[in-house]
Amino acid sequence: MSRSAGPTLDGQVTLVPTSQVTASDDVRHFDQLTARAKRAVIAAADDRPSAVSAPSLAAVDVVVFTDYYRVE
C-alpha cells in the first residue's frame, strides 16, 4: 500500500507502533531519513506526541527504528 499522493498540505503525520508490514509497504530505515524526520521518530519512540510535522515522511508507509512505526 505504498503512498503516491505525496506530502499533506501541512506535512503532519502520525507515527503508530506496528507489527504489520506488507511486501507492498514503502519501508525506510532511520538512517535514510532527514534530520526533521529522525526527530519525529525519536519523539514517537519516547512516547511523546506522535503527530508531528515531517513532510518527508508523508510518502513513507513504515519506518524502522527500535520498532516498526506506521506513518499515517
Protein backbone atom coordinates (compact mmCIF):
# COMPACT_ATOMS: atom_id res chain seq x y z
CA MET A 1 0.00 0.00 0.00
CA SER A 2 2.71 2.45 -0.99
CA ARG A 3 1.69 6.09 -0.97
CA SER A 4 1.89 8.14 -4.11
CA ALA A 5 -0.19 11.17 -3.22
CA GLY A 6 2.83 12.97 -1.73
CA PRO A 7 3.02 15.13 1.38
CA THR A 8 -0.06 16.54 3.02
CA LEU A 9 -0.50 20.29 2.83
CA ASP A 10 0.69 20.86 6.38
CA GLY A 11 3.20 18.00 6.50
CA GLN A 12 1.55 16.49 9.59
CA VAL A 13 1.96 12.75 10.05
CA THR A 14 1.26 10.37 12.92
CA LEU A 15 3.64 7.58 13.86
CA VAL A 16 1.98 4.47 15.29
CA PRO A 17 3.88 1.40 16.51
CA THR A 18 3.04 -1.61 14.34
CA SER A 19 3.97 -5.23 13.88
CA GLN A 20 2.30 -5.46 10.47
CA VAL A 21 4.46 -4.76 7.43
CA THR A 22 3.45 -5.92 3.97
CA ALA A 23 5.58 -6.51 0.90
CA SER A 24 3.98 -3.51 -0.81
CA ASP A 25 4.76 -1.05 2.03
CA ASP A 26 7.37 1.64 1.35
CA VAL A 27 9.75 1.00 4.26
CA ARG A 28 12.53 3.39 5.28
CA HIS A 29 15.21 2.82 7.86
CA PHE A 30 16.06 5.52 10.39
CA ASP A 31 19.41 6.31 8.77
CA GLN A 32 17.65 7.11 5.47
CA LEU A 33 15.55 9.91 6.99
CA THR A 34 16.04 13.67 7.09
CA ALA A 35 17.05 15.30 10.36
CA ARG A 36 13.48 16.53 10.95
CA ALA A 37 12.04 13.09 10.29
CA LYS A 38 14.59 11.50 12.65
CA ARG A 39 13.50 13.85 15.44
CA ALA A 40 9.87 12.85 14.81
CA VAL A 41 10.68 9.15 15.02
CA ILE A 42 12.72 9.62 18.20
CA ALA A 43 9.79 11.52 19.76
CA ALA A 44 7.42 8.68 18.85
CA ALA A 45 9.82 6.11 20.32
CA ASP A 46 10.00 8.15 23.54
CA ASP A 47 6.16 8.13 23.77
CA ARG A 48 5.98 11.86 23.17
CA PRO A 49 3.19 13.19 20.97
CA SER A 50 3.41 11.28 17.72
CA ALA A 51 1.58 13.78 15.47
CA VAL A 52 4.48 15.70 14.03
CA SER A 53 5.39 17.94 11.14
CA ALA A 54 7.68 15.89 8.94
CA PRO A 55 6.71 16.35 5.28
CA SER A 56 9.36 13.91 4.06
CA LEU A 57 7.58 11.08 5.91
CA ALA A 58 4.28 11.65 4.13
CA ALA A 59 5.29 9.36 1.24
CA VAL A 60 6.52 6.56 3.54
CA ASP A 61 4.39 3.70 4.89
CA VAL A 62 6.66 2.30 7.62
CA VAL A 63 9.80 3.50 9.42
CA VAL A 64 12.21 1.08 11.09
CA PHE A 65 13.86 2.34 14.28
CA THR A 66 13.87 0.46 17.60
CA ASP A 67 10.45 -0.81 16.48
CA TYR A 68 8.37 -0.51 13.34
CA TYR A 69 6.25 2.65 13.06
CA ARG A 70 3.41 3.04 10.59
CA VAL A 71 3.14 6.54 9.12
CA GLU A 72 -0.47 7.76 8.93
